[in-house]
């Protein structure tokens, strides 16, 4: 099953963030809770964790891209 990984609610009225870096690349295995990417706003840095175990299927944003809260930044092929 393909799972969409989205930018989480960042609180404090933030509507977008900047993708800082990827911790995993497409094709790499991840366990639930593993860090996938980091995003930042002017007030907070947030590590986005994998919602399930599986394989990172794709990335939809690059470092330094502005990404909206709720936007899909990656997809994960969940382990069965």
PDB file of N, CA and C in Angstrom:
ATOM      1  N   UNK A   1       0.837  -1.174   0.000  1.00  0.00           N
ATOM      2  CA  UNK A   1       0.000   0.000   0.000  1.00  0.00           C
ATOM      3  C   UNK A   1       0.888   1.244   0.000  1.00  0.00           C
ATOM      4  N   UNK A   2       0.552   2.197  -0.843  1.00  0.00           N
ATOM      5  CA  UNK A   2       1.297   3.448  -0.953  1.00  0.00           C
ATOM      6  C   UNK A   2       0.748   4.459   0.052  1.00  0.00           C
ATOM      7  N   UNK A   3       1.630   5.018   0.863  1.00  0.00           N
ATOM      8  CA  UNK A   3       1.256   5.992   1.888  1.00  0.00           C
ATOM      9  C   UNK A   3       1.870   7.335   1.525  1.00  0.00           C
ATOM     10  N   UNK A   4       1.078   8.400   1.609  1.00  0.00           N
ATOM     11  CA  UNK A   4       1.585   9.752   1.355  1.00  0.00           C
ATOM     12  C   UNK A   4       2.149  10.325   2.647  1.00  0.00           C
ATOM     13  N   UNK A   5       3.328  10.916   2.546  1.00  0.00           N
ATOM     14  CA  UNK A   5       3.954  11.580   3.685  1.00  0.00           C
ATOM     15  C   UNK A   5       3.775  13.077   3.475  1.00  0.00           C
ATOM     16  N   UNK A   6       3.126  13.716   4.441  1.00  0.00           N
ATOM     17  CA  UNK A   6       2.762  15.132   4.320  1.00  0.00           C
ATOM     18  C   UNK A   6       3.500  15.993   5.339  1.00  0.00           C
ATOM     19  N   UNK A   7       3.606  17.280   5.015  1.00  0.00           N
ATOM     20  CA  UNK A   7       4.159  18.244   5.957  1.00  0.00           C
ATOM     21  C   UNK A   7       3.144  18.378   7.097  1.00  0.00           C
ATOM     22  N   UNK A   8       3.588  18.150   8.344  1.00  0.00           N
ATOM     23  CA  UNK A   8       2.646  18.214   9.460  1.00  0.00           C
ATOM     24  C   UNK A   8       2.264  19.654   9.805  1.00  0.00           C
ATOM     25  N   UNK A   9       1.210  19.782  10.605  1.00  0.00           N
ATOM     26  CA  UNK A   9       0.823  21.086  11.149  1.00  0.00           C
ATOM     27  C   UNK A   9       1.981  21.574  12.008  1.00  0.00           C
ATOM     28  N   UNK A  10       2.456  22.758  11.739  1.00  0.00           N
ATOM     29  CA  UNK A  10       3.624  23.293  12.434  1.00  0.00           C
ATOM     30  C   UNK A  10       3.260  24.287  13.522  1.00  0.00           C
ATOM     31  N   UNK A  11       1.966  24.497  13.734  1.00  0.00           N
ATOM     32  CA  UNK A  11       1.518  25.403  14.786  1.00  0.00           C
ATOM     33  C   UNK A  11       1.877  26.847  14.501  1.00  0.00           C
ATOM     34  N   UNK A  12       1.740  27.675  15.485  1.00  0.00           N
ATOM     35  CA  UNK A  12       2.034  29.113  15.465  1.00  0.00           C
ATOM     36  C   UNK A  12       1.751  29.794  14.117  1.00  0.00           C
ATOM     37  N   UNK A  13       0.618  29.441  13.517  1.00  0.00           N
ATOM     38  CA  UNK A  13       0.134  30.084  12.284  1.00  0.00           C
ATOM     39  C   UNK A  13       1.073  29.934  11.087  1.00  0.00           C
ATOM     40  N   UNK A  14       1.919  28.922  11.098  1.00  0.00           N
ATOM     41  CA  UNK A  14       2.806  28.683   9.958  1.00  0.00           C
ATOM     42  C   UNK A  14       2.031  27.988   8.849  1.00  0.00           C
ATOM     43  N   UNK A  15       2.110  28.530   7.637  1.00  0.00           N
ATOM     44  CA  UNK A  15       1.435  27.936   6.484  1.00  0.00           C
ATOM     45  C   UNK A  15       2.378  27.136   5.602  1.00  0.00           C
ATOM     46  N   UNK A  16       3.679  27.373   5.759  1.00  0.00           N
ATOM     47  CA  UNK A  16       4.662  26.677   4.939  1.00  0.00           C
ATOM     48  C   UNK A  16       5.970  26.559   5.689  1.00  0.00           C
ATOM     49  N   UNK A  17       6.839  25.731   5.142  1.00  0.00           N
ATOM     50  CA  UNK A  17       8.165  25.515   5.713  1.00  0.00           C
ATOM     51  C   UNK A  17       9.144  25.339   4.566  1.00  0.00           C
ATOM     52  N   UNK A  18      10.394  25.249   4.893  1.00  0.00           N
ATOM     53  CA  UNK A  18      11.440  24.969   3.904  1.00  0.00           C
ATOM     54  C   UNK A  18      11.966  23.566   4.183  1.00  0.00           C
ATOM     55  N   UNK A  19      12.026  22.743   3.143  1.00  0.00           N
ATOM     56  CA  UNK A  19      12.606  21.413   3.279  1.00  0.00           C
ATOM     57  C   UNK A  19      14.112  21.579   3.427  1.00  0.00           C
ATOM     58  N   UNK A  20      14.637  21.141   4.551  1.00  0.00           N
ATOM     59  CA  UNK A  20      16.065  21.306   4.828  1.00  0.00           C
ATOM     60  C   UNK A  20      16.875  20.170   4.216  1.00  0.00           C
ATOM     61  N   UNK A  21      16.466  18.922   4.512  1.00  0.00           N
ATOM     62  CA  UNK A  21      17.228  17.779   3.995  1.00  0.00           C
ATOM     63  C   UNK A  21      16.388  16.516   4.050  1.00  0.00           C
ATOM     64  N   UNK A  22      16.825  15.538   3.277  1.00  0.00           N
ATOM     65  CA  UNK A  22      16.260  14.196   3.304  1.00  0.00           C
ATOM     66  C   UNK A  22      17.217  13.303   4.089  1.00  0.00           C
ATOM     67  N   UNK A  23      16.655  12.449   4.955  1.00  0.00           N
ATOM     68  CA  UNK A  23      17.463  11.463   5.681  1.00  0.00           C
ATOM     69  C   UNK A  23      17.462  10.118   4.959  1.00  0.00           C
ATOM     70  N   UNK A  24      16.474   9.900   4.088  1.00  0.00           N
ATOM     71  CA  UNK A  24      16.380   8.671   3.316  1.00  0.00           C
ATOM     72  C   UNK A  24      16.146   9.024   1.853  1.00  0.00           C
ATOM     73  N   UNK A  25      16.606   8.151   0.974  1.00  0.00           N
ATOM     74  CA  UNK A  25      16.451   8.335  -0.469  1.00  0.00           C
ATOM     75  C   UNK A  25      15.502   7.268  -1.008  1.00  0.00           C
ATOM     76  N   UNK A  26      14.866   7.527  -2.156  1.00  0.00           N
ATOM     77  CA  UNK A  26      13.981   6.521  -2.742  1.00  0.00           C
ATOM     78  C   UNK A  26      14.693   5.176  -2.886  1.00  0.00           C
ATOM     79  N   UNK A  27      13.963   4.123  -2.536  1.00  0.00           N
ATOM     80  CA  UNK A  27      14.511   2.771  -2.595  1.00  0.00           C
ATOM     81  C   UNK A  27      15.074   2.292  -1.269  1.00  0.00           C
ATOM     82  N   UNK A  28      15.281   3.202  -0.324  1.00  0.00           N
ATOM     83  CA  UNK A  28      15.829   2.813   0.975  1.00  0.00           C
ATOM     84  C   UNK A  28      14.712   2.350   1.915  1.00  0.00           C
ATOM     85  N   UNK A  29      15.041   1.375   2.741  1.00  0.00           N
ATOM     86  CA  UNK A  29      14.105   0.870   3.741  1.00  0.00           C
ATOM     87  C   UNK A  29      14.033   1.824   4.919  1.00  0.00           C
ATOM     88  N   UNK A  30      12.852   1.903   5.523  1.00  0.00           N
ATOM     89  CA  UNK A  30      12.658   2.694   6.735  1.00  0.00           C
ATOM     90  C   UNK A  30      11.781   1.912   7.699  1.00  0.00           C
ATOM     91  N   UNK A  31      11.995   2.138   8.971  1.00  0.00           N
ATOM     92  CA  UNK A  31      11.135   1.571  10.000  1.00  0.00           C
ATOM     93  C   UNK A  31      10.199   2.673  10.488  1.00  0.00           C
ATOM     94  N   UNK A  32       9.062   2.274  10.999  1.00  0.00           N
ATOM     95  CA  UNK A  32       8.130   3.262  11.538  1.00  0.00           C
ATOM     96  C   UNK A  32       8.857   4.108  12.588  1.00  0.00           C
ATOM     97  N   UNK A  33       8.736   5.416  12.466  1.00  0.00           N
ATOM     98  CA  UNK A  33       9.372   6.344  13.396  1.00  0.00           C
ATOM     99  C   UNK A  33      10.741   6.836  12.963  1.00  0.00           C
ATOM    100  N   UNK A  34      11.352   6.191  11.957  1.00  0.00           N
ATOM    101  CA  UNK A  34      12.648   6.662  11.448  1.00  0.00           C
ATOM    102  C   UNK A  34      12.498   8.057  10.853  1.00  0.00           C
ATOM    103  N   UNK A  35      13.498   8.915  11.028  1.00  0.00           N
ATOM    104  CA  UNK A  35      13.435  10.232  10.387  1.00  0.00           C
ATOM    105  C   UNK A  35      13.525  10.112   8.875  1.00  0.00           C
ATOM    106  N   UNK A  36      12.644  10.854   8.171  1.00  0.00           N
ATOM    107  CA  UNK A  36      12.639  10.847   6.704  1.00  0.00           C
ATOM    108  C   UNK A  36      13.218  12.162   6.181  1.00  0.00           C
ATOM    109  N   UNK A  37      12.795  13.272   6.787  1.00  0.00           N
ATOM    110  CA  UNK A  37      13.211  14.597   6.307  1.00  0.00           C
ATOM    111  C   UNK A  37      13.130  15.603   7.446  1.00  0.00           C
ATOM    112  N   UNK A  38      13.793  16.738   7.247  1.00  0.00           N
ATOM    113  CA  UNK A  38      13.701  17.871   8.174  1.00  0.00           C
ATOM    114  C   UNK A  38      13.116  19.055   7.426  1.00  0.00           C
ATOM    115  N   UNK A  39      12.206  19.775   8.097  1.00  0.00           N
ATOM    116  CA  UNK A  39      11.680  21.033   7.569  1.00  0.00           C
ATOM    117  C   UNK A  39      11.867  22.096   8.641  1.00  0.00           C
ATOM    118  N   UNK A  40      11.890  23.367   8.215  1.00  0.00           N
ATOM    119  CA  UNK A  40      12.045  24.438   9.195  1.00  0.00           C
ATOM    120  C   UNK A  40      11.205  25.642   8.810  1.00  0.00           C
ATOM    121  N   UNK A  41      10.810  26.379   9.846  1.00  0.00           N
ATOM    122  CA  UNK A  41      10.193  27.689   9.680  1.00  0.00           C
ATOM    123  C   UNK A  41      11.100  28.673  10.411  1.00  0.00           C
ATOM    124  N   UNK A  42      10.688  29.918  10.468  1.00  0.00           N
ATOM    125  CA  UNK A  42      11.505  30.879  11.196  1.00  0.00           C
ATOM    126  C   UNK A  42      11.477  30.642  12.706  1.00  0.00           C
ATOM    127  N   UNK A  43      10.543  29.807  13.202  1.00  0.00           N
ATOM    128  CA  UNK A  43      10.423  29.575  14.635  1.00  0.00           C
ATOM    129  C   UNK A  43      10.707  28.151  15.088  1.00  0.00           C
ATOM    130  N   UNK A  44      10.646  27.191  14.181  1.00  0.00           N
ATOM    131  CA  UNK A  44      10.785  25.798  14.609  1.00  0.00           C
ATOM    132  C   UNK A  44      11.416  24.940  13.515  1.00  0.00           C
ATOM    133  N   UNK A  45      12.189  23.942  13.948  1.00  0.00           N
ATOM    134  CA  UNK A  45      12.693  22.903  13.052  1.00  0.00           C
ATOM    135  C   UNK A  45      11.958  21.622  13.412  1.00  0.00           C
ATOM    136  N   UNK A  46      11.496  20.884  12.401  1.00  0.00           N
ATOM    137  CA  UNK A  46      10.704  19.681  12.641  1.00  0.00           C
ATOM    138  C   UNK A  46      11.283  18.521  11.849  1.00  0.00           C
ATOM    139  N   UNK A  47      11.426  17.388  12.524  1.00  0.00           N
ATOM    140  CA  UNK A  47      11.852  16.161  11.868  1.00  0.00           C
ATOM    141  C   UNK A  47      10.590  15.384  11.513  1.00  0.00           C
ATOM    142  N   UNK A  48      10.444  15.020  10.252  1.00  0.00           N
ATOM    143  CA  UNK A  48       9.282  14.248   9.805  1.00  0.00           C
ATOM    144  C   UNK A  48       9.659  12.769   9.863  1.00  0.00           C
ATOM    145  N   UNK A  49       8.875  12.002  10.617  1.00  0.00           N
ATOM    146  CA  UNK A  49       9.152  10.583  10.820  1.00  0.00           C
ATOM    147  C   UNK A  49       8.293   9.735   9.891  1.00  0.00           C
ATOM    148  N   UNK A  50       8.783   8.551   9.613  1.00  0.00           N
ATOM    149  CA  UNK A  50       8.037   7.612   8.783  1.00  0.00           C
ATOM    150  C   UNK A  50       6.794   7.129   9.531  1.00  0.00           C
ATOM    151  N   UNK A  51       5.629   7.182   8.895  1.00  0.00           N
ATOM    152  CA  UNK A  51       4.402   6.741   9.558  1.00  0.00           C
ATOM    153  C   UNK A  51       4.256   5.217   9.611  1.00  0.00           C
ATOM    154  N   UNK A  52       5.104   4.497   8.867  1.00  0.00           N
ATOM    155  CA  UNK A  52       5.024   3.031   8.818  1.00  0.00           C
ATOM    156  C   UNK A  52       6.370   2.486   8.355  1.00  0.00           C
ATOM    157  N   UNK A  53       6.545   1.194   8.493  1.00  0.00           N
ATOM    158  CA  UNK A  53       7.749   0.548   7.958  1.00  0.00           C
ATOM    159  C   UNK A  53       7.530   0.250   6.486  1.00  0.00           C
ATOM    160  N   UNK A  54       8.615   0.311   5.706  1.00  0.00           N
ATOM    161  CA  UNK A  54       8.513   0.025   4.282  1.00  0.00           C
ATOM    162  C   UNK A  54       9.689   0.567   3.518  1.00  0.00           C
ATOM    163  N   UNK A  55       9.436   0.958   2.270  1.00  0.00           N
ATOM    164  CA  UNK A  55      10.467   1.477   1.384  1.00  0.00           C
ATOM    165  C   UNK A  55      10.035   2.847   0.880  1.00  0.00           C
ATOM    166  N   UNK A  56      10.931   3.824   0.979  1.00  0.00           N
ATOM    167  CA  UNK A  56      10.617   5.155   0.459  1.00  0.00           C
ATOM    168  C   UNK A  56      10.483   5.043  -1.054  1.00  0.00           C
ATOM    169  N   UNK A  57       9.294   5.358  -1.551  1.00  0.00           N
ATOM    170  CA  UNK A  57       9.001   5.161  -2.976  1.00  0.00           C
ATOM    171  C   UNK A  57       9.371   6.373  -3.825  1.00  0.00           C
ATOM    172  N   UNK A  58       9.253   7.575  -3.274  1.00  0.00           N
ATOM    173  CA  UNK A  58       9.548   8.762  -4.068  1.00  0.00           C
ATOM    174  C   UNK A  58       9.550  10.016  -3.229  1.00  0.00           C
ATOM    175  N   UNK A  59      10.194  11.043  -3.769  1.00  0.00           N
ATOM    176  CA  UNK A  59      10.244  12.360  -3.139  1.00  0.00           C
ATOM    177  C   UNK A  59       9.608  13.365  -4.089  1.00  0.00           C
ATOM    178  N   UNK A  60       8.837  14.286  -3.546  1.00  0.00           N
ATOM    179  CA  UNK A  60       8.168  15.286  -4.375  1.00  0.00           C
ATOM    180  C   UNK A  60       8.666  16.695  -4.103  1.00  0.00           C
ATOM    181  N   UNK A  61       9.704  16.826  -3.312  1.00  0.00           N
ATOM    182  CA  UNK A  61      10.284  18.139  -3.023  1.00  0.00           C
ATOM    183  C   UNK A  61      11.790  17.964  -2.869  1.00  0.00           C
ATOM    184  N   UNK A  62      12.505  19.047  -3.087  1.00  0.00           N
ATOM    185  CA  UNK A  62      13.961  19.036  -2.982  1.00  0.00           C
ATOM    186  C   UNK A  62      14.392  19.969  -1.854  1.00  0.00           C
ATOM    187  N   UNK A  63      15.592  19.757  -1.313  1.00  0.00           N
ATOM    188  CA  UNK A  63      16.082  20.682  -0.301  1.00  0.00           C
ATOM    189  C   UNK A  63      16.001  22.130  -0.793  1.00  0.00           C
ATOM    190  N   UNK A  64      15.631  23.003   0.119  1.00  0.00           N
ATOM    191  CA  UNK A  64      15.430  24.441  -0.111  1.00  0.00           C
ATOM    192  C   UNK A  64      14.086  24.778  -0.747  1.00  0.00           C
ATOM    193  N   UNK A  65      13.274  23.778  -1.108  1.00  0.00           N
ATOM    194  CA  UNK A  65      11.926  24.045  -1.613  1.00  0.00           C
ATOM    195  C   UNK A  65      11.034  24.527  -0.478  1.00  0.00           C
ATOM    196  N   UNK A  66      10.139  25.454  -0.783  1.00  0.00           N
ATOM    197  CA  UNK A  66       9.085  25.852   0.161  1.00  0.00           C
ATOM    198  C   UNK A  66       7.948  24.851  -0.003  1.00  0.00           C
ATOM    199  N   UNK A  67       7.498  24.301   1.116  1.00  0.00           N
ATOM    200  CA  UNK A  67       6.438  23.294   1.092  1.00  0.00           C
ATOM    201  C   UNK A  67       5.309  23.735   2.026  1.00  0.00           C
ATOM    202  N   UNK A  68       4.077  23.630   1.541  1.00  0.00           N
ATOM    203  CA  UNK A  68       2.920  24.043   2.323  1.00  0.00           C
ATOM    204  C   UNK A  68       2.576  22.988   3.366  1.00  0.00           C
ATOM    205  N   UNK A  69       2.044  23.440   4.494  1.00  0.00           N
ATOM    206  CA  UNK A  69       1.532  22.513   5.497  1.00  0.00           C
ATOM    207  C   UNK A  69       0.464  21.647   4.832  1.00  0.00           C
ATOM    208  N   UNK A  70       0.571  20.346   5.015  1.00  0.00           N
ATOM    209  CA  UNK A  70      -0.370  19.407   4.416  1.00  0.00           C
ATOM    210  C   UNK A  70       0.036  18.894   3.049  1.00  0.00           C
ATOM    211  N   UNK A  71       1.064  19.491   2.448  1.00  0.00           N
ATOM    212  CA  UNK A  71       1.509  19.061   1.121  1.00  0.00           C
ATOM    213  C   UNK A  71       2.185  17.698   1.191  1.00  0.00           C
ATOM    214  N   UNK A  72       1.986  16.891   0.164  1.00  0.00           N
ATOM    215  CA  UNK A  72       2.654  15.588   0.065  1.00  0.00           C
ATOM    216  C   UNK A  72       4.086  15.844  -0.386  1.00  0.00           C
ATOM    217  N   UNK A  73       5.048  15.383   0.424  1.00  0.00           N
ATOM    218  CA  UNK A  73       6.459  15.564   0.055  1.00  0.00           C
ATOM    219  C   UNK A  73       7.130  14.257  -0.331  1.00  0.00           C
ATOM    220  N   UNK A  74       6.494  13.128   0.009  1.00  0.00           N
ATOM    221  CA  UNK A  74       7.082  11.829  -0.329  1.00  0.00           C
ATOM    222  C   UNK A  74       5.995  10.760  -0.298  1.00  0.00           C
ATOM    223  N   UNK A  75       6.342   9.601  -0.862  1.00  0.00           N
ATOM    224  CA  UNK A  75       5.467   8.438  -0.774  1.00  0.00           C
ATOM    225  C   UNK A  75       6.265   7.259  -0.235  1.00  0.00           C
ATOM    226  N   UNK A  76       5.561   6.397   0.471  1.00  0.00           N
ATOM    227  CA  UNK A  76       6.171   5.245   1.113  1.00  0.00           C
ATOM    228  C   UNK A  76       5.392   4.005   0.717  1.00  0.00           C
ATOM    229  N   UNK A  77       6.098   2.977   0.256  1.00  0.00           N
ATOM    230  CA  UNK A  77       5.468   1.688  -0.012  1.00  0.00           C
ATOM    231  C   UNK A  77       5.551   0.890   1.292  1.00  0.00           C
ATOM    232  N   UNK A  78       4.398   0.749   1.945  1.00  0.00           N
ATOM    233  CA  UNK A  78       4.366   0.099   3.256  1.00  0.00           C
ATOM    234  C   UNK A  78       4.685  -1.378   3.135  1.00  0.00           C
ATOM    235  N   UNK A  79       5.386  -1.900   4.135  1.00  0.00           N
ATOM    236  CA  UNK A  79       5.687  -3.328   4.186  1.00  0.00           C
ATOM    237  C   UNK A  79       4.404  -4.092   4.452  1.00  0.00           C
ATOM    238  N   UNK A  80       4.300  -5.255   3.841  1.00  0.00           N
ATOM    239  CA  UNK A  80       3.064  -6.036   4.054  1.00  0.00           C
ATOM    240  C   UNK A  80       3.224  -7.052   5.145  1.00  0.00           C
TER     241      UNK A  80
END
